[in-house]
Amino acid sequence: MPTDVFEALADPTRRRILDVLRAGERPVGELVALLGVAQPNVSKHLRTLDAAALVRVRVDGPRRHYALDPAGMRPLDAWLAPYREAWADRLDALERHLDSPDAPSTPTEE
C-alpha cells in the first residue's frame, strides 16, 4: 500500500532527506553521514519516501542510491494551488493599491 505524500512529509527527518536529495542522487551511507542519523533509521525513512513515490532508488551492486522524484510532489502541488492563487490575488491587489494615485507616499530623506 503506497504511503500518503502528506504522511511522508510530516516527519522532519524525511523532509531533511528530501532537502539533501534536491542537490542530486546520494547513496544511503552518504545520507547517514550528512544527516547524523543511524543507518537503520535513514533506511526506514527512505522506505517511507519510496512508498510515497517521493524518491527513486537505483541499485548498484550492494549500494542503493536515492534521488528525488519530483513527480511524487504532484499531490502536494495540487493541494497548494488554491493557496498560491489566493496569495497571487492578494499581491495583485496590493500592487494595484500601491500604483494608485491615492496611495500614501513615503517621505524622502533630506
PDB file of N, CA and C in Angstrom:
ATOM      1  N   MET A   1       0.840  -1.185   0.000  1.00  0.00           N
ATOM      2  CA  MET A   1       0.000   0.000   0.000  1.00  0.00           C
ATOM      3  C   MET A   1       0.883   1.245   0.000  1.00  0.00           C
ATOM      4  N   PRO A   2       0.718   2.129  -0.967  1.00  0.00           N
ATOM      5  CA  PRO A   2       1.543   3.342  -1.003  1.00  0.00           C
ATOM      6  C   PRO A   2       1.253   4.247   0.193  1.00  0.00           C
ATOM      7  N   THR A   3       2.288   4.913   0.617  1.00  0.00           N
ATOM      8  CA  THR A   3       2.170   5.866   1.708  1.00  0.00           C
ATOM      9  C   THR A   3       1.692   7.197   1.145  1.00  0.00           C
ATOM     10  N   ASP A   4       0.850   7.864   1.884  1.00  0.00           N
ATOM     11  CA  ASP A   4       0.364   9.185   1.513  1.00  0.00           C
ATOM     12  C   ASP A   4       1.518  10.187   1.543  1.00  0.00           C
ATOM     13  N   VAL A   5       1.565  11.064   0.555  1.00  0.00           N
ATOM     14  CA  VAL A   5       2.616  12.077   0.457  1.00  0.00           C
ATOM     15  C   VAL A   5       2.636  12.954   1.710  1.00  0.00           C
ATOM     16  N   PHE A   6       1.456  13.329   2.183  1.00  0.00           N
ATOM     17  CA  PHE A   6       1.383  14.215   3.345  1.00  0.00           C
ATOM     18  C   PHE A   6       1.895  13.521   4.607  1.00  0.00           C
ATOM     19  N   GLU A   7       1.599  12.237   4.747  1.00  0.00           N
ATOM     20  CA  GLU A   7       2.127  11.476   5.883  1.00  0.00           C
ATOM     21  C   GLU A   7       3.644  11.405   5.806  1.00  0.00           C
ATOM     22  N   ALA A   8       4.156  11.169   4.612  1.00  0.00           N
ATOM     23  CA  ALA A   8       5.607  11.064   4.434  1.00  0.00           C
ATOM     24  C   ALA A   8       6.295  12.389   4.762  1.00  0.00           C
ATOM     25  N   LEU A   9       5.680  13.486   4.365  1.00  0.00           N
ATOM     26  CA  LEU A   9       6.284  14.800   4.588  1.00  0.00           C
ATOM     27  C   LEU A   9       6.098  15.315   6.011  1.00  0.00           C
ATOM     28  N   ALA A  10       5.291  14.638   6.804  1.00  0.00           N
ATOM     29  CA  ALA A  10       5.035  15.089   8.179  1.00  0.00           C
ATOM     30  C   ALA A  10       6.262  14.947   9.074  1.00  0.00           C
ATOM     31  N   ASP A  11       7.171  14.061   8.719  1.00  0.00           N
ATOM     32  CA  ASP A  11       8.340  13.817   9.566  1.00  0.00           C
ATOM     33  C   ASP A  11       9.497  14.733   9.171  1.00  0.00           C
ATOM     34  N   PRO A  12      10.092  15.437  10.150  1.00  0.00           N
ATOM     35  CA  PRO A  12      11.176  16.373   9.824  1.00  0.00           C
ATOM     36  C   PRO A  12      12.422  15.683   9.257  1.00  0.00           C
ATOM     37  N   THR A  13      12.707  14.468   9.660  1.00  0.00           N
ATOM     38  CA  THR A  13      13.879  13.769   9.114  1.00  0.00           C
ATOM     39  C   THR A  13      13.662  13.459   7.642  1.00  0.00           C
ATOM     40  N   ARG A  14      12.456  13.055   7.277  1.00  0.00           N
ATOM     41  CA  ARG A  14      12.181  12.781   5.862  1.00  0.00           C
ATOM     42  C   ARG A  14      12.254  14.062   5.039  1.00  0.00           C
ATOM     43  N   ARG A  15      11.809  15.175   5.600  1.00  0.00           N
ATOM     44  CA  ARG A  15      11.944  16.446   4.872  1.00  0.00           C
ATOM     45  C   ARG A  15      13.411  16.810   4.703  1.00  0.00           C
ATOM     46  N   ARG A  16      14.228  16.543   5.710  1.00  0.00           N
ATOM     47  CA  ARG A  16      15.672  16.811   5.594  1.00  0.00           C
ATOM     48  C   ARG A  16      16.287  15.936   4.511  1.00  0.00           C
ATOM     49  N   ILE A  17      15.872  14.675   4.444  1.00  0.00           N
ATOM     50  CA  ILE A  17      16.386  13.774   3.391  1.00  0.00           C
ATOM     51  C   ILE A  17      16.047  14.358   2.022  1.00  0.00           C
ATOM     52  N   LEU A  18      14.817  14.798   1.840  1.00  0.00           N
ATOM     53  CA  LEU A  18      14.423  15.381   0.554  1.00  0.00           C
ATOM     54  C   LEU A  18      15.226  16.644   0.251  1.00  0.00           C
ATOM     55  N   ASP A  19      15.490  17.447   1.279  1.00  0.00           N
ATOM     56  CA  ASP A  19      16.316  18.644   1.080  1.00  0.00           C
ATOM     57  C   ASP A  19      17.707  18.273   0.567  1.00  0.00           C
ATOM     58  N   VAL A  20      18.293  17.237   1.139  1.00  0.00           N
ATOM     59  CA  VAL A  20      19.625  16.782   0.699  1.00  0.00           C
ATOM     60  C   VAL A  20      19.548  16.260  -0.734  1.00  0.00           C
ATOM     61  N   LEU A  21      18.498  15.513  -1.044  1.00  0.00           N
ATOM     62  CA  LEU A  21      18.378  14.909  -2.373  1.00  0.00           C
ATOM     63  C   LEU A  21      18.069  15.926  -3.468  1.00  0.00           C
ATOM     64  N   ARG A  22      17.657  17.135  -3.102  1.00  0.00           N
ATOM     65  CA  ARG A  22      17.454  18.171  -4.127  1.00  0.00           C
ATOM     66  C   ARG A  22      18.747  18.447  -4.876  1.00  0.00           C
ATOM     67  N   ALA A  23      19.880  18.266  -4.202  1.00  0.00           N
ATOM     68  CA  ALA A  23      21.179  18.525  -4.835  1.00  0.00           C
ATOM     69  C   ALA A  23      21.612  17.383  -5.748  1.00  0.00           C
ATOM     70  N   GLY A  24      20.919  16.249  -5.681  1.00  0.00           N
ATOM     71  CA  GLY A  24      21.274  15.125  -6.543  1.00  0.00           C
ATOM     72  C   GLY A  24      21.255  13.800  -5.807  1.00  0.00           C
ATOM     73  N   GLU A  25      21.466  12.773  -6.577  1.00  0.00           N
ATOM     74  CA  GLU A  25      21.441  11.400  -6.064  1.00  0.00           C
ATOM     75  C   GLU A  25      22.511  11.180  -4.993  1.00  0.00           C
ATOM     76  N   ARG A  26      22.163  10.406  -3.973  1.00  0.00           N
ATOM     77  CA  ARG A  26      23.101  10.101  -2.884  1.00  0.00           C
ATOM     78  C   ARG A  26      22.956   8.645  -2.471  1.00  0.00           C
ATOM     79  N   PRO A  27      24.079   8.002  -2.151  1.00  0.00           N
ATOM     80  CA  PRO A  27      23.988   6.655  -1.577  1.00  0.00           C
ATOM     81  C   PRO A  27      23.545   6.754  -0.115  1.00  0.00           C
ATOM     82  N   VAL A  28      22.989   5.681   0.394  1.00  0.00           N
ATOM     83  CA  VAL A  28      22.487   5.666   1.768  1.00  0.00           C
ATOM     84  C   VAL A  28      23.576   6.077   2.757  1.00  0.00           C
ATOM     85  N   GLY A  29      24.781   5.552   2.604  1.00  0.00           N
ATOM     86  CA  GLY A  29      25.869   5.870   3.526  1.00  0.00           C
ATOM     87  C   GLY A  29      26.161   7.364   3.599  1.00  0.00           C
ATOM     88  N   GLU A  30      26.069   8.024   2.482  1.00  0.00           N
ATOM     89  CA  GLU A  30      26.305   9.466   2.459  1.00  0.00           C
ATOM     90  C   GLU A  30      25.168  10.208   3.165  1.00  0.00           C
ATOM     91  N   LEU A  31      23.936   9.738   2.975  1.00  0.00           N
ATOM     92  CA  LEU A  31      22.801  10.347   3.675  1.00  0.00           C
ATOM     93  C   LEU A  31      22.959  10.187   5.185  1.00  0.00           C
ATOM     94  N   VAL A  32      23.409   9.008   5.615  1.00  0.00           N
ATOM     95  CA  VAL A  32      23.638   8.752   7.042  1.00  0.00           C
ATOM     96  C   VAL A  32      24.637   9.764   7.590  1.00  0.00           C
ATOM     97  N   ALA A  33      25.740   9.946   6.876  1.00  0.00           N
ATOM     98  CA  ALA A  33      26.790  10.868   7.332  1.00  0.00           C
ATOM     99  C   ALA A  33      26.293  12.318   7.348  1.00  0.00           C
ATOM    100  N   LEU A  34      25.587  12.723   6.317  1.00  0.00           N
ATOM    101  CA  LEU A  34      25.118  14.102   6.228  1.00  0.00           C
ATOM    102  C   LEU A  34      24.046  14.428   7.267  1.00  0.00           C
ATOM    103  N   LEU A  35      23.201  13.453   7.556  1.00  0.00           N
ATOM    104  CA  LEU A  35      22.085  13.701   8.464  1.00  0.00           C
ATOM    105  C   LEU A  35      22.434  13.451   9.925  1.00  0.00           C
ATOM    106  N   GLY A  36      23.477  12.661  10.164  1.00  0.00           N
ATOM    107  CA  GLY A  36      23.822  12.317  11.543  1.00  0.00           C
ATOM    108  C   GLY A  36      22.774  11.443  12.198  1.00  0.00           C
ATOM    109  N   VAL A  37      22.135  10.605  11.397  1.00  0.00           N
ATOM    110  CA  VAL A  37      21.093   9.702  11.876  1.00  0.00           C
ATOM    111  C   VAL A  37      21.573   8.278  11.623  1.00  0.00           C
ATOM    112  N   ALA A  38      21.236   7.363  12.518  1.00  0.00           N
ATOM    113  CA  ALA A  38      21.674   5.972  12.387  1.00  0.00           C
ATOM    114  C   ALA A  38      21.163   5.368  11.075  1.00  0.00           C
ATOM    115  N   GLN A  39      21.979   4.504  10.489  1.00  0.00           N
ATOM    116  CA  GLN A  39      21.655   3.902   9.194  1.00  0.00           C
ATOM    117  C   GLN A  39      20.294   3.195   9.187  1.00  0.00           C
ATOM    118  N   PRO A  40      19.937   2.405  10.210  1.00  0.00           N
ATOM    119  CA  PRO A  40      18.619   1.762  10.167  1.00  0.00           C
ATOM    120  C   PRO A  40      17.468   2.783  10.128  1.00  0.00           C
ATOM    121  N   ASN A  41      17.647   3.908  10.816  1.00  0.00           N
ATOM    122  CA  ASN A  41      16.610   4.941  10.801  1.00  0.00           C
ATOM    123  C   ASN A  41      16.514   5.614   9.437  1.00  0.00           C
ATOM    124  N   VAL A  42      17.662   5.901   8.832  1.00  0.00           N
ATOM    125  CA  VAL A  42      17.653   6.505   7.496  1.00  0.00           C
ATOM    126  C   VAL A  42      16.985   5.551   6.508  1.00  0.00           C
ATOM    127  N   SER A  43      17.320   4.275   6.587  1.00  0.00           N
ATOM    128  CA  SER A  43      16.713   3.291   5.684  1.00  0.00           C
ATOM    129  C   SER A  43      15.203   3.217   5.871  1.00  0.00           C
ATOM    130  N   LYS A  44      14.746   3.287   7.116  1.00  0.00           N
ATOM    131  CA  LYS A  44      13.309   3.265   7.397  1.00  0.00           C
ATOM    132  C   LYS A  44      12.627   4.481   6.758  1.00  0.00           C
ATOM    133  N   HIS A  45      13.237   5.643   6.911  1.00  0.00           N
ATOM    134  CA  HIS A  45      12.661   6.856   6.318  1.00  0.00           C
ATOM    135  C   HIS A  45      12.682   6.791   4.794  1.00  0.00           C
ATOM    136  N   LEU A  46      13.747   6.235   4.229  1.00  0.00           N
ATOM    137  CA  LEU A  46      13.823   6.105   2.774  1.00  0.00           C
ATOM    138  C   LEU A  46      12.751   5.156   2.251  1.00  0.00           C
ATOM    139  N   ARG A  47      12.455   4.087   2.978  1.00  0.00           N
ATOM    140  CA  ARG A  47      11.378   3.180   2.569  1.00  0.00           C
ATOM    141  C   ARG A  47      10.042   3.918   2.539  1.00  0.00           C
ATOM    142  N   THR A  48       9.817   4.760   3.533  1.00  0.00           N
ATOM    143  CA  THR A  48       8.570   5.533   3.572  1.00  0.00           C
ATOM    144  C   THR A  48       8.502   6.499   2.398  1.00  0.00           C
ATOM    145  N   LEU A  49       9.606   7.194   2.122  1.00  0.00           N
ATOM    146  CA  LEU A  49       9.646   8.125   0.990  1.00  0.00           C
ATOM    147  C   LEU A  49       9.465   7.391  -0.331  1.00  0.00           C
ATOM    148  N   ASP A  50      10.019   6.196  -0.432  1.00  0.00           N
ATOM    149  CA  ASP A  50       9.867   5.388  -1.637  1.00  0.00           C
ATOM    150  C   ASP A  50       8.408   4.953  -1.798  1.00  0.00           C
ATOM    151  N   ALA A  51       7.781   4.532  -0.713  1.00  0.00           N
ATOM    152  CA  ALA A  51       6.383   4.102  -0.767  1.00  0.00           C
ATOM    153  C   ALA A  51       5.466   5.257  -1.164  1.00  0.00           C
ATOM    154  N   ALA A  52       5.856   6.485  -0.838  1.00  0.00           N
ATOM    155  CA  ALA A  52       5.076   7.665  -1.205  1.00  0.00           C
ATOM    156  C   ALA A  52       5.451   8.181  -2.589  1.00  0.00           C
ATOM    157  N   ALA A  53       6.354   7.487  -3.271  1.00  0.00           N
ATOM    158  CA  ALA A  53       6.812   7.851  -4.619  1.00  0.00           C
ATOM    159  C   ALA A  53       7.508   9.207  -4.647  1.00  0.00           C
ATOM    160  N   LEU A  54       8.171   9.561  -3.547  1.00  0.00           N
ATOM    161  CA  LEU A  54       8.901  10.821  -3.493  1.00  0.00           C
ATOM    162  C   LEU A  54      10.372  10.669  -3.858  1.00  0.00           C
ATOM    163  N   VAL A  55      10.864   9.437  -3.889  1.00  0.00           N
ATOM    164  CA  VAL A  55      12.250   9.172  -4.265  1.00  0.00           C
ATOM    165  C   VAL A  55      12.296   8.002  -5.253  1.00  0.00           C
ATOM    166  N   ARG A  56      13.400   7.959  -6.000  1.00  0.00           N
ATOM    167  CA  ARG A  56      13.708   6.821  -6.881  1.00  0.00           C
ATOM    168  C   ARG A  56      14.921   6.122  -6.312  1.00  0.00           C
ATOM    169  N   VAL A  57      14.982   4.822  -6.487  1.00  0.00           N
ATOM    170  CA  VAL A  57      16.093   4.029  -5.979  1.00  0.00           C
ATOM    171  C   VAL A  57      16.827   3.412  -7.162  1.00  0.00           C
ATOM    172  N   ARG A  58      18.153   3.511  -7.116  1.00  0.00           N
ATOM    173  CA  ARG A  58      18.992   2.847  -8.123  1.00  0.00           C
ATOM    174  C   ARG A  58      19.934   1.926  -7.368  1.00  0.00           C
ATOM    175  N   VAL A  59      19.900   0.650  -7.722  1.00  0.00           N
ATOM    176  CA  VAL A  59      20.757  -0.332  -7.065  1.00  0.00           C
ATOM    177  C   VAL A  59      22.018  -0.501  -7.892  1.00  0.00           C
ATOM    178  N   ASP A  60      23.162  -0.367  -7.215  1.00  0.00           N
ATOM    179  CA  ASP A  60      24.466  -0.517  -7.850  1.00  0.00           C
ATOM    180  C   ASP A  60      25.258  -1.510  -7.010  1.00  0.00           C
ATOM    181  N   GLY A  61      25.137  -2.789  -7.343  1.00  0.00           N
ATOM    182  CA  GLY A  61      25.776  -3.824  -6.528  1.00  0.00           C
ATOM    183  C   GLY A  61      25.161  -3.814  -5.143  1.00  0.00           C
ATOM    184  N   PRO A  62      25.988  -3.700  -4.120  1.00  0.00           N
ATOM    185  CA  PRO A  62      25.435  -3.698  -2.762  1.00  0.00           C
ATOM    186  C   PRO A  62      24.908  -2.326  -2.318  1.00  0.00           C
ATOM    187  N   ARG A  63      25.148  -1.316  -3.133  1.00  0.00           N
ATOM    188  CA  ARG A  63      24.752   0.040  -2.743  1.00  0.00           C
ATOM    189  C   ARG A  63      23.399   0.422  -3.331  1.00  0.00           C
ATOM    190  N   ARG A  64      22.674   1.202  -2.548  1.00  0.00           N
ATOM    191  CA  ARG A  64      21.409   1.760  -3.004  1.00  0.00           C
ATOM    192  C   ARG A  64      21.578   3.276  -3.055  1.00  0.00           C
ATOM    193  N   HIS A  65      21.273   3.840  -4.202  1.00  0.00           N
ATOM    194  CA  HIS A  65      21.372   5.281  -4.406  1.00  0.00           C
ATOM    195  C   HIS A  65      19.949   5.835  -4.518  1.00  0.00           C
ATOM    196  N   TYR A  66      19.717   6.945  -3.837  1.00  0.00           N
ATOM    197  CA  TYR A  66      18.396   7.561  -3.837  1.00  0.00           C
ATOM    198  C   TYR A  66      18.448   8.925  -4.498  1.00  0.00           C
ATOM    199  N   ALA A  67      17.383   9.229  -5.209  1.00  0.00           N
ATOM    200  CA  ALA A  67      17.249  10.527  -5.868  1.00  0.00           C
ATOM    201  C   ALA A  67      15.821  11.018  -5.664  1.00  0.00           C
ATOM    202  N   LEU A  68      15.656  12.296  -5.672  1.00  0.00           N
ATOM    203  CA  LEU A  68      14.344  12.919  -5.552  1.00  0.00           C
ATOM    204  C   LEU A  68      13.524  12.589  -6.788  1.00  0.00           C
ATOM    205  N   ASP A  69      12.251  12.286  -6.602  1.00  0.00           N
ATOM    206  CA  ASP A  69      11.340  12.078  -7.731  1.00  0.00           C
ATOM    207  C   ASP A  69      10.293  13.193  -7.688  1.00  0.00           C
ATOM    208  N   PRO A  70      10.517  14.279  -8.418  1.00  0.00           N
ATOM    209  CA  PRO A  70       9.612  15.431  -8.343  1.00  0.00           C
ATOM    210  C   PRO A  70       8.162  15.091  -8.691  1.00  0.00           C
ATOM    211  N   ALA A  71       7.939  14.070  -9.502  1.00  0.00           N
ATOM    212  CA  ALA A  71       6.568  13.701  -9.869  1.00  0.00           C
ATOM    213  C   ALA A  71       5.761  13.319  -8.629  1.00  0.00           C
ATOM    214  N   GLY A  72       6.426  12.820  -7.611  1.00  0.00           N
ATOM    215  CA  GLY A  72       5.730  12.439  -6.389  1.00  0.00           C
ATOM    216  C   GLY A  72       5.165  13.619  -5.623  1.00  0.00           C
ATOM    217  N   MET A  73       5.623  14.819  -5.963  1.00  0.00           N
ATOM    218  CA  MET A  73       5.145  16.026  -5.284  1.00  0.00           C
ATOM    219  C   MET A  73       3.845  16.562  -5.883  1.00  0.00           C
ATOM    220  N   ARG A  74       3.341  15.929  -6.934  1.00  0.00           N
ATOM    221  CA  ARG A  74       2.128  16.438  -7.595  1.00  0.00           C
ATOM    222  C   ARG A  74       0.939  16.574  -6.641  1.00  0.00           C
ATOM    223  N   PRO A  75       0.674  15.598  -5.760  1.00  0.00           N
ATOM    224  CA  PRO A  75      -0.457  15.791  -4.842  1.00  0.00           C
ATOM    225  C   PRO A  75      -0.284  17.021  -3.952  1.00  0.00           C
ATOM    226  N   LEU A  76       0.931  17.264  -3.503  1.00  0.00           N
ATOM    227  CA  LEU A  76       1.200  18.438  -2.677  1.00  0.00           C
ATOM    228  C   LEU A  76       1.013  19.718  -3.507  1.00  0.00           C
ATOM    229  N   ASP A  77       1.515  19.706  -4.728  1.00  0.00           N
ATOM    230  CA  ASP A  77       1.384  20.856  -5.609  1.00  0.00           C
ATOM    231  C   ASP A  77      -0.090  21.155  -5.883  1.00  0.00           C
ATOM    232  N   ALA A  78      -0.881  20.107  -6.120  1.00  0.00           N
ATOM    233  CA  ALA A  78      -2.313  20.296  -6.373  1.00  0.00           C
ATOM    234  C   ALA A  78      -3.015  20.858  -5.139  1.00  0.00           C
ATOM    235  N   TRP A  79      -2.622  20.401  -3.969  1.00  0.00           N
ATOM    236  CA  TRP A  79      -3.237  20.891  -2.732  1.00  0.00           C
ATOM    237  C   TRP A  79      -2.881  22.360  -2.494  1.00  0.00           C
ATOM    238  N   LEU A  80      -1.650  22.749  -2.834  1.00  0.00           N
ATOM    239  CA  LEU A  80      -1.195  24.122  -2.613  1.00  0.00           C
ATOM    240  C   LEU A  80      -1.724  25.113  -3.652  1.00  0.00           C
ATOM    241  N   ALA A  81      -2.177  24.640  -4.801  1.00  0.00           N
ATOM    242  CA  ALA A  81      -2.580  25.530  -5.904  1.00  0.00           C
ATOM    243  C   ALA A  81      -3.585  26.596  -5.478  1.00  0.00           C
ATOM    244  N   PRO A  82      -4.669  26.266  -4.767  1.00  0.00           N
ATOM    245  CA  PRO A  82      -5.608  27.322  -4.402  1.00  0.00           C
ATOM    246  C   PRO A  82      -5.004  28.364  -3.451  1.00  0.00           C
ATOM    247  N   TYR A  83      -4.058  27.933  -2.630  1.00  0.00           N
ATOM    248  CA  TYR A  83      -3.403  28.870  -1.719  1.00  0.00           C
ATOM    249  C   TYR A  83      -2.488  29.823  -2.488  1.00  0.00           C
ATOM    250  N   ARG A  84      -1.801  29.281  -3.508  1.00  0.00           N
ATOM    251  CA  ARG A  84      -0.975  30.144  -4.355  1.00  0.00           C
ATOM    252  C   ARG A  84      -1.834  31.171  -5.073  1.00  0.00           C
ATOM    253  N   GLU A  85      -3.012  30.738  -5.553  1.00  0.00           N
ATOM    254  CA  GLU A  85      -3.928  31.659  -6.230  1.00  0.00           C
ATOM    255  C   GLU A  85      -4.375  32.763  -5.282  1.00  0.00           C
ATOM    256  N   ALA A  86      -4.697  32.397  -4.041  1.00  0.00           N
ATOM    257  CA  ALA A  86      -5.135  33.395  -3.062  1.00  0.00           C
ATOM    258  C   ALA A  86      -4.032  34.413  -2.815  1.00  0.00           C
ATOM    259  N   TRP A  87      -2.794  33.933  -2.695  1.00  0.00           N
ATOM    260  CA  TRP A  87      -1.676  34.864  -2.468  1.00  0.00           C
ATOM    261  C   TRP A  87      -1.459  35.741  -3.692  1.00  0.00           C
ATOM    262  N   ALA A  88      -1.566  35.160  -4.870  1.00  0.00           N
ATOM    263  CA  ALA A  88      -1.367  35.940  -6.093  1.00  0.00           C
ATOM    264  C   ALA A  88      -2.430  37.035  -6.185  1.00  0.00           C
ATOM    265  N   ASP A  89      -3.691  36.681  -5.850  1.00  0.00           N
ATOM    266  CA  ASP A  89      -4.760  37.684  -5.884  1.00  0.00           C
ATOM    267  C   ASP A  89      -4.470  38.812  -4.900  1.00  0.00           C
ATOM    268  N   ARG A  90      -4.009  38.468  -3.716  1.00  0.00           N
ATOM    269  CA  ARG A  90      -3.716  39.493  -2.699  1.00  0.00           C
ATOM    270  C   ARG A  90      -2.537  40.373  -3.130  1.00  0.00           C
ATOM    271  N   LEU A  91      -1.522  39.749  -3.705  1.00  0.00           N
ATOM    272  CA  LEU A  91      -0.364  40.527  -4.157  1.00  0.00           C
ATOM    273  C   LEU A  91      -0.747  41.446  -5.321  1.00  0.00           C
ATOM    274  N   ASP A  92      -1.615  40.942  -6.200  1.00  0.00           N
ATOM    275  CA  ASP A  92      -2.093  41.796  -7.303  1.00  0.00           C
ATOM    276  C   ASP A  92      -2.864  42.994  -6.750  1.00  0.00           C
ATOM    277  N   ALA A  93      -3.707  42.759  -5.737  1.00  0.00           N
ATOM    278  CA  ALA A  93      -4.466  43.853  -5.125  1.00  0.00           C
ATOM    279  C   ALA A  93      -3.522  44.854  -4.463  1.00  0.00           C
ATOM    280  N   LEU A  94      -2.491  44.358  -3.802  1.00  0.00           N
ATOM    281  CA  LEU A  94      -1.515  45.249  -3.174  1.00  0.00           C
ATOM    282  C   LEU A  94      -0.804  46.091  -4.231  1.00  0.00           C
ATOM    283  N   GLU A  95      -0.424  45.456  -5.328  1.00  0.00           N
ATOM    284  CA  GLU A  95       0.246  46.189  -6.399  1.00  0.00           C
ATOM    285  C   GLU A  95      -0.664  47.284  -6.961  1.00  0.00           C
ATOM    286  N   ARG A  96      -1.937  46.938  -7.172  1.00  0.00           N
ATOM    287  CA  ARG A  96      -2.882  47.954  -7.682  1.00  0.00           C
ATOM    288  C   ARG A  96      -3.011  49.105  -6.687  1.00  0.00           C
ATOM    289  N   HIS A  97      -3.073  48.779  -5.424  1.00  0.00           N
ATOM    290  CA  HIS A  97      -3.187  49.820  -4.392  1.00  0.00           C
ATOM    291  C   HIS A  97      -1.951  50.719  -4.389  1.00  0.00           C
ATOM    292  N   LEU A  98      -0.786  50.122  -4.444  1.00  0.00           N
ATOM    293  CA  LEU A  98       0.453  50.907  -4.403  1.00  0.00           C
ATOM    294  C   LEU A  98       0.639  51.750  -5.655  1.00  0.00           C
ATOM    295  N   ASP A  99       0.097  51.280  -6.769  1.00  0.00           N
ATOM    296  CA  ASP A  99       0.209  52.027  -8.026  1.00  0.00           C
ATOM    297  C   ASP A  99      -0.864  53.100  -8.171  1.00  0.00           C
ATOM    298  N   SER A 100      -1.863  53.094  -7.297  1.00  0.00           N
ATOM    299  CA  SER A 100      -2.962  54.063  -7.425  1.00  0.00           C
ATOM    300  C   SER A 100      -2.493  55.450  -6.990  1.00  0.00           C
ATOM    301  N   PRO A 101      -3.105  56.481  -7.553  1.00  0.00           N
ATOM    302  CA  PRO A 101      -2.700  57.849  -7.185  1.00  0.00           C
ATOM    303  C   PRO A 101      -3.037  58.185  -5.731  1.00  0.00           C
ATOM    304  N   ASP A 102      -3.944  57.452  -5.118  1.00  0.00           N
ATOM    305  CA  ASP A 102      -4.331  57.703  -3.731  1.00  0.00           C
ATOM    306  C   ASP A 102      -3.411  57.025  -2.726  1.00  0.00           C
ATOM    307  N   ALA A 103      -2.469  56.243  -3.194  1.00  0.00           N
ATOM    308  CA  ALA A 103      -1.576  55.509  -2.284  1.00  0.00           C
ATOM    309  C   ALA A 103      -0.699  56.496  -1.529  1.00  0.00           C
ATOM    310  N   PRO A 104      -0.531  56.258  -0.221  1.00  0.00           N
ATOM    311  CA  PRO A 104       0.329  57.172   0.544  1.00  0.00           C
ATOM    312  C   PRO A 104       1.765  57.090   0.042  1.00  0.00           C
ATOM    313  N   SER A 105       2.400  58.241  -0.025  1.00  0.00           N
ATOM    314  CA  SER A 105       3.803  58.244  -0.465  1.00  0.00           C
ATOM    315  C   SER A 105       4.690  58.187   0.759  1.00  0.00           C
ATOM    316  N   THR A 106       5.889  57.698   0.565  1.00  0.00           N
ATOM    317  CA  THR A 106       6.839  57.625   1.669  1.00  0.00           C
ATOM    318  C   THR A 106       7.646  58.914   1.708  1.00  0.00           C
ATOM    319  N   PRO A 107       7.904  59.417   2.904  1.00  0.00           N
ATOM    320  CA  PRO A 107       8.692  60.663   2.986  1.00  0.00           C
ATOM    321  C   PRO A 107      10.118  60.438   2.490  1.00  0.00           C
ATOM    322  N   THR A 108      10.657  61.436   1.857  1.00  0.00           N
ATOM    323  CA  THR A 108      12.024  61.351   1.375  1.00  0.00           C
ATOM    324  C   THR A 108      12.967  61.908   2.432  1.00  0.00           C
ATOM    325  N   GLU A 109      14.167  61.358   2.478  1.00  0.00           N
ATOM    326  CA  GLU A 109      15.168  61.853   3.430  1.00  0.00           C
ATOM    327  C   GLU A 109      15.857  63.075   2.833  1.00  0.00           C
ATOM    328  N   GLU A 110      16.139  64.022   3.678  1.00  0.00           N
ATOM    329  CA  GLU A 110      16.820  65.228   3.193  1.00  0.00           C
ATOM    330  C   GLU A 110      18.240  65.243   3.623  1.00  0.00           C
TER     331      GLU A 110
END
